[in-house]
Amino acid sequence: MRLTEFHELVRGRFGEVRATSMLVDHVLTSMGGRTAAQAIEDGAEPRDVWRALCADFDVPRDQW
């Protein structure tokens, strides 16, 4: 997954304002206690970060 696609999925699922906040405020325990933005910056695969967000926010599995 490209980073552009990742951002489109996050904005599409959570809305522009909430998505922006989620990426920098929500700590993902499955990503080592980092936010999504930190995980991406540290080199995590966008697909893995997307899945972690989906799991934390109860997104139906068929939308992962």
PDB file of N, CA and C in Angstrom:
ATOM      1  N   MET A   1       0.848  -1.174   0.000  1.00  0.00           N
ATOM      2  CA  MET A   1       0.000   0.000   0.000  1.00  0.00           C
ATOM      3  C   MET A   1       0.891   1.233   0.000  1.00  0.00           C
ATOM      4  N   ARG A   2       0.566   2.165  -0.859  1.00  0.00           N
ATOM      5  CA  ARG A   2       1.288   3.436  -0.896  1.00  0.00           C
ATOM      6  C   ARG A   2       0.780   4.346   0.216  1.00  0.00           C
ATOM      7  N   LEU A   3       1.615   5.269   0.603  1.00  0.00           N
ATOM      8  CA  LEU A   3       1.260   6.206   1.661  1.00  0.00           C
ATOM      9  C   LEU A   3       0.049   7.051   1.260  1.00  0.00           C
ATOM     10  N   THR A   4      -0.044   7.404  -0.003  1.00  0.00           N
ATOM     11  CA  THR A   4      -1.191   8.174  -0.495  1.00  0.00           C
ATOM     12  C   THR A   4      -2.487   7.397  -0.291  1.00  0.00           C
ATOM     13  N   GLU A   5      -2.470   6.118  -0.616  1.00  0.00           N
ATOM     14  CA  GLU A   5      -3.649   5.278  -0.433  1.00  0.00           C
ATOM     15  C   GLU A   5      -4.010   5.163   1.046  1.00  0.00           C
ATOM     16  N   PHE A   6      -3.007   5.022   1.886  1.00  0.00           N
ATOM     17  CA  PHE A   6      -3.220   4.962   3.323  1.00  0.00           C
ATOM     18  C   PHE A   6      -3.984   6.195   3.811  1.00  0.00           C
ATOM     19  N   HIS A   7      -3.511   7.366   3.422  1.00  0.00           N
ATOM     20  CA  HIS A   7      -4.160   8.609   3.849  1.00  0.00           C
ATOM     21  C   HIS A   7      -5.578   8.717   3.298  1.00  0.00           C
ATOM     22  N   GLU A   8      -5.789   8.267   2.069  1.00  0.00           N
ATOM     23  CA  GLU A   8      -7.135   8.282   1.486  1.00  0.00           C
ATOM     24  C   GLU A   8      -8.074   7.369   2.273  1.00  0.00           C
ATOM     25  N   LEU A   9      -7.587   6.187   2.647  1.00  0.00           N
ATOM     26  CA  LEU A   9      -8.410   5.253   3.416  1.00  0.00           C
ATOM     27  C   LEU A   9      -8.768   5.825   4.784  1.00  0.00           C
ATOM     28  N   VAL A  10      -7.792   6.404   5.456  1.00  0.00           N
ATOM     29  CA  VAL A  10      -8.032   6.962   6.790  1.00  0.00           C
ATOM     30  C   VAL A  10      -9.045   8.106   6.709  1.00  0.00           C
ATOM     31  N   ARG A  11      -8.833   9.019   5.765  1.00  0.00           N
ATOM     32  CA  ARG A  11      -9.773  10.147   5.609  1.00  0.00           C
ATOM     33  C   ARG A  11     -11.157   9.662   5.195  1.00  0.00           C
ATOM     34  N   GLY A  12     -11.211   8.692   4.300  1.00  0.00           N
ATOM     35  CA  GLY A  12     -12.493   8.176   3.839  1.00  0.00           C
ATOM     36  C   GLY A  12     -13.273   7.479   4.936  1.00  0.00           C
ATOM     37  N   ARG A  13     -12.579   6.770   5.786  1.00  0.00           N
ATOM     38  CA  ARG A  13     -13.236   6.012   6.849  1.00  0.00           C
ATOM     39  C   ARG A  13     -13.612   6.891   8.045  1.00  0.00           C
ATOM     40  N   PHE A  14     -12.727   7.807   8.425  1.00  0.00           N
ATOM     41  CA  PHE A  14     -12.904   8.550   9.669  1.00  0.00           C
ATOM     42  C   PHE A  14     -13.230  10.028   9.486  1.00  0.00           C
ATOM     43  N   GLY A  15     -13.160  10.529   8.265  1.00  0.00           N
ATOM     44  CA  GLY A  15     -13.410  11.947   8.017  1.00  0.00           C
ATOM     45  C   GLY A  15     -12.125  12.745   8.144  1.00  0.00           C
ATOM     46  N   GLU A  16     -12.078  13.861   7.474  1.00  0.00           N
ATOM     47  CA  GLU A  16     -10.861  14.675   7.388  1.00  0.00           C
ATOM     48  C   GLU A  16     -10.338  15.124   8.757  1.00  0.00           C
ATOM     49  N   VAL A  17     -11.193  15.704   9.573  1.00  0.00           N
ATOM     50  CA  VAL A  17     -10.756  16.259  10.860  1.00  0.00           C
ATOM     51  C   VAL A  17     -10.353  15.146  11.821  1.00  0.00           C
ATOM     52  N   ARG A  18     -11.191  14.146  11.949  1.00  0.00           N
ATOM     53  CA  ARG A  18     -10.878  13.052  12.879  1.00  0.00           C
ATOM     54  C   ARG A  18      -9.634  12.295  12.433  1.00  0.00           C
ATOM     55  N   ALA A  19      -9.489  12.081  11.135  1.00  0.00           N
ATOM     56  CA  ALA A  19      -8.327  11.357  10.619  1.00  0.00           C
ATOM     57  C   ALA A  19      -7.032  12.083  10.970  1.00  0.00           C
ATOM     58  N   THR A  20      -7.028  13.381  10.777  1.00  0.00           N
ATOM     59  CA  THR A  20      -5.835  14.169  11.082  1.00  0.00           C
ATOM     60  C   THR A  20      -5.464  14.033  12.556  1.00  0.00           C
ATOM     61  N   SER A  21      -6.452  14.111  13.416  1.00  0.00           N
ATOM     62  CA  SER A  21      -6.211  13.975  14.849  1.00  0.00           C
ATOM     63  C   SER A  21      -5.758  12.565  15.211  1.00  0.00           C
ATOM     64  N   MET A  22      -6.416  11.566  14.656  1.00  0.00           N
ATOM     65  CA  MET A  22      -6.081  10.172  14.962  1.00  0.00           C
ATOM     66  C   MET A  22      -4.624   9.857  14.660  1.00  0.00           C
ATOM     67  N   LEU A  23      -4.148  10.350  13.544  1.00  0.00           N
ATOM     68  CA  LEU A  23      -2.795  10.018  13.113  1.00  0.00           C
ATOM     69  C   LEU A  23      -1.730  10.532  14.071  1.00  0.00           C
ATOM     70  N   VAL A  24      -2.013  11.624  14.755  1.00  0.00           N
ATOM     71  CA  VAL A  24      -0.993  12.199  15.640  1.00  0.00           C
ATOM     72  C   VAL A  24      -1.304  12.057  17.125  1.00  0.00           C
ATOM     73  N   ASP A  25      -2.536  11.702  17.469  1.00  0.00           N
ATOM     74  CA  ASP A  25      -2.933  11.645  18.878  1.00  0.00           C
ATOM     75  C   ASP A  25      -3.166  10.234  19.422  1.00  0.00           C
ATOM     76  N   HIS A  26      -3.677   9.348  18.587  1.00  0.00           N
ATOM     77  CA  HIS A  26      -4.045   8.011  19.068  1.00  0.00           C
ATOM     78  C   HIS A  26      -2.811   7.105  19.108  1.00  0.00           C
ATOM     79  N   VAL A  27      -2.537   6.537  20.269  1.00  0.00           N
ATOM     80  CA  VAL A  27      -1.395   5.634  20.445  1.00  0.00           C
ATOM     81  C   VAL A  27      -1.825   4.214  20.114  1.00  0.00           C
ATOM     82  N   LEU A  28      -1.074   3.599  19.224  1.00  0.00           N
ATOM     83  CA  LEU A  28      -1.338   2.223  18.795  1.00  0.00           C
ATOM     84  C   LEU A  28      -0.438   1.270  19.587  1.00  0.00           C
ATOM     85  N   THR A  29      -1.027   0.516  20.495  1.00  0.00           N
ATOM     86  CA  THR A  29      -0.219  -0.408  21.296  1.00  0.00           C
ATOM     87  C   THR A  29       0.425  -1.474  20.414  1.00  0.00           C
ATOM     88  N   SER A  30      -0.262  -1.867  19.348  1.00  0.00           N
ATOM     89  CA  SER A  30       0.291  -2.896  18.466  1.00  0.00           C
ATOM     90  C   SER A  30       1.447  -2.360  17.609  1.00  0.00           C
ATOM     91  N   MET A  31       1.651  -1.063  17.637  1.00  0.00           N
ATOM     92  CA  MET A  31       2.771  -0.438  16.914  1.00  0.00           C
ATOM     93  C   MET A  31       3.820   0.059  17.901  1.00  0.00           C
ATOM     94  N   GLY A  32       3.914  -0.616  19.022  1.00  0.00           N
ATOM     95  CA  GLY A  32       4.948  -0.283  19.998  1.00  0.00           C
ATOM     96  C   GLY A  32       4.699   0.995  20.773  1.00  0.00           C
ATOM     97  N   GLY A  33       3.425   1.361  20.934  1.00  0.00           N
ATOM     98  CA  GLY A  33       3.107   2.560  21.695  1.00  0.00           C
ATOM     99  C   GLY A  33       3.353   3.850  20.928  1.00  0.00           C
ATOM    100  N   ARG A  34       3.404   3.741  19.615  1.00  0.00           N
ATOM    101  CA  ARG A  34       3.596   4.927  18.775  1.00  0.00           C
ATOM    102  C   ARG A  34       2.268   5.339  18.160  1.00  0.00           C
ATOM    103  N   THR A  35       2.188   6.581  17.751  1.00  0.00           N
ATOM    104  CA  THR A  35       1.029   7.010  16.975  1.00  0.00           C
ATOM    105  C   THR A  35       1.208   6.495  15.547  1.00  0.00           C
ATOM    106  N   ALA A  36       0.143   6.582  14.763  1.00  0.00           N
ATOM    107  CA  ALA A  36       0.234   6.161  13.365  1.00  0.00           C
ATOM    108  C   ALA A  36       1.290   6.985  12.630  1.00  0.00           C
ATOM    109  N   ALA A  37       1.297   8.289  12.875  1.00  0.00           N
ATOM    110  CA  ALA A  37       2.278   9.150  12.215  1.00  0.00           C
ATOM    111  C   ALA A  37       3.706   8.762  12.597  1.00  0.00           C
ATOM    112  N   GLN A  38       3.929   8.465  13.871  1.00  0.00           N
ATOM    113  CA  GLN A  38       5.263   8.056  14.314  1.00  0.00           C
ATOM    114  C   GLN A  38       5.659   6.718  13.689  1.00  0.00           C
ATOM    115  N   ALA A  39       4.720   5.788  13.650  1.00  0.00           N
ATOM    116  CA  ALA A  39       5.012   4.471  13.076  1.00  0.00           C
ATOM    117  C   ALA A  39       5.402   4.592  11.605  1.00  0.00           C
ATOM    118  N   ILE A  40       4.647   5.398  10.858  1.00  0.00           N
ATOM    119  CA  ILE A  40       4.957   5.612   9.443  1.00  0.00           C
ATOM    120  C   ILE A  40       6.333   6.271   9.310  1.00  0.00           C
ATOM    121  N   GLU A  41       6.578   7.264  10.112  1.00  0.00           N
ATOM    122  CA  GLU A  41       7.863   7.965  10.067  1.00  0.00           C
ATOM    123  C   GLU A  41       9.027   7.025  10.386  1.00  0.00           C
ATOM    124  N   ASP A  42       8.777   6.071  11.276  1.00  0.00           N
ATOM    125  CA  ASP A  42       9.819   5.115  11.663  1.00  0.00           C
ATOM    126  C   ASP A  42       9.981   3.975  10.661  1.00  0.00           C
ATOM    127  N   GLY A  43       9.174   3.988   9.589  1.00  0.00           N
ATOM    128  CA  GLY A  43       9.342   2.985   8.542  1.00  0.00           C
ATOM    129  C   GLY A  43       8.349   1.844   8.546  1.00  0.00           C
ATOM    130  N   ALA A  44       7.327   1.899   9.401  1.00  0.00           N
ATOM    131  CA  ALA A  44       6.306   0.843   9.395  1.00  0.00           C
ATOM    132  C   ALA A  44       5.552   0.874   8.074  1.00  0.00           C
ATOM    133  N   GLU A  45       5.133  -0.278   7.623  1.00  0.00           N
ATOM    134  CA  GLU A  45       4.354  -0.374   6.391  1.00  0.00           C
ATOM    135  C   GLU A  45       2.989   0.272   6.592  1.00  0.00           C
ATOM    136  N   PRO A  46       2.572   1.130   5.677  1.00  0.00           N
ATOM    137  CA  PRO A  46       1.254   1.760   5.802  1.00  0.00           C
ATOM    138  C   PRO A  46       0.122   0.753   5.967  1.00  0.00           C
ATOM    139  N   ARG A  47       0.197  -0.393   5.292  1.00  0.00           N
ATOM    140  CA  ARG A  47      -0.840  -1.426   5.410  1.00  0.00           C
ATOM    141  C   ARG A  47      -0.941  -1.909   6.857  1.00  0.00           C
ATOM    142  N   ASP A  48       0.185  -2.100   7.522  1.00  0.00           N
ATOM    143  CA  ASP A  48       0.180  -2.563   8.910  1.00  0.00           C
ATOM    144  C   ASP A  48      -0.402  -1.497   9.841  1.00  0.00           C
ATOM    145  N   VAL A  49      -0.085  -0.247   9.570  1.00  0.00           N
ATOM    146  CA  VAL A  49      -0.621   0.843  10.382  1.00  0.00           C
ATOM    147  C   VAL A  49      -2.127   0.958  10.164  1.00  0.00           C
ATOM    148  N   TRP A  50      -2.573   0.825   8.918  1.00  0.00           N
ATOM    149  CA  TRP A  50      -4.004   0.845   8.611  1.00  0.00           C
ATOM    150  C   TRP A  50      -4.721  -0.266   9.381  1.00  0.00           C
ATOM    151  N   ARG A  51      -4.178  -1.454   9.373  1.00  0.00           N
ATOM    152  CA  ARG A  51      -4.790  -2.584  10.085  1.00  0.00           C
ATOM    153  C   ARG A  51      -4.838  -2.326  11.589  1.00  0.00           C
ATOM    154  N   ALA A  52      -3.796  -1.722  12.124  1.00  0.00           N
ATOM    155  CA  ALA A  52      -3.782  -1.404  13.556  1.00  0.00           C
ATOM    156  C   ALA A  52      -4.867  -0.388  13.897  1.00  0.00           C
ATOM    157  N   LEU A  53      -5.028   0.625  13.063  1.00  0.00           N
ATOM    158  CA  LEU A  53      -6.100   1.603  13.279  1.00  0.00           C
ATOM    159  C   LEU A  53      -7.469   0.935  13.194  1.00  0.00           C
ATOM    160  N   CYS A  54      -7.636   0.094  12.194  1.00  0.00           N
ATOM    161  CA  CYS A  54      -8.914  -0.605  12.020  1.00  0.00           C
ATOM    162  C   CYS A  54      -9.243  -1.455  13.240  1.00  0.00           C
ATOM    163  N   ALA A  55      -8.257  -2.159  13.754  1.00  0.00           N
ATOM    164  CA  ALA A  55      -8.480  -3.003  14.932  1.00  0.00           C
ATOM    165  C   ALA A  55      -8.861  -2.155  16.145  1.00  0.00           C
ATOM    166  N   ASP A  56      -8.169  -1.062  16.341  1.00  0.00           N
ATOM    167  CA  ASP A  56      -8.439  -0.204  17.502  1.00  0.00           C
ATOM    168  C   ASP A  56      -9.804   0.478  17.432  1.00  0.00           C
ATOM    169  N   PHE A  57     -10.276   0.742  16.227  1.00  0.00           N
ATOM    170  CA  PHE A  57     -11.533   1.478  16.077  1.00  0.00           C
ATOM    171  C   PHE A  57     -12.667   0.603  15.550  1.00  0.00           C
ATOM    172  N   ASP A  58     -12.537  -0.703  15.710  1.00  0.00           N
ATOM    173  CA  ASP A  58     -13.592  -1.668  15.382  1.00  0.00           C
ATOM    174  C   ASP A  58     -14.149  -1.514  13.968  1.00  0.00           C
ATOM    175  N   VAL A  59     -13.268  -1.281  13.022  1.00  0.00           N
ATOM    176  CA  VAL A  59     -13.672  -1.259  11.620  1.00  0.00           C
ATOM    177  C   VAL A  59     -13.947  -2.705  11.199  1.00  0.00           C
ATOM    178  N   PRO A  60     -15.061  -2.957  10.516  1.00  0.00           N
ATOM    179  CA  PRO A  60     -15.335  -4.329  10.077  1.00  0.00           C
ATOM    180  C   PRO A  60     -14.162  -4.905   9.280  1.00  0.00           C
ATOM    181  N   ARG A  61     -13.839  -6.128   9.575  1.00  0.00           N
ATOM    182  CA  ARG A  61     -12.656  -6.763   9.002  1.00  0.00           C
ATOM    183  C   ARG A  61     -12.650  -6.762   7.474  1.00  0.00           C
ATOM    184  N   ASP A  62     -13.799  -6.810   6.849  1.00  0.00           N
ATOM    185  CA  ASP A  62     -13.840  -6.827   5.385  1.00  0.00           C
ATOM    186  C   ASP A  62     -13.452  -5.475   4.772  1.00  0.00           C
ATOM    187  N   GLN A  63     -13.252  -4.458   5.604  1.00  0.00           N
ATOM    188  CA  GLN A  63     -12.830  -3.143   5.122  1.00  0.00           C
ATOM    189  C   GLN A  63     -11.351  -2.869   5.394  1.00  0.00           C
ATOM    190  N   TRP A  64     -10.656  -3.844   5.924  1.00  0.00           N
ATOM    191  CA  TRP A  64      -9.230  -3.690   6.198  1.00  0.00           C
ATOM    192  C   TRP A  64      -8.487  -3.826   4.907  1.00  0.00           C
TER     193      TRP A  64
END
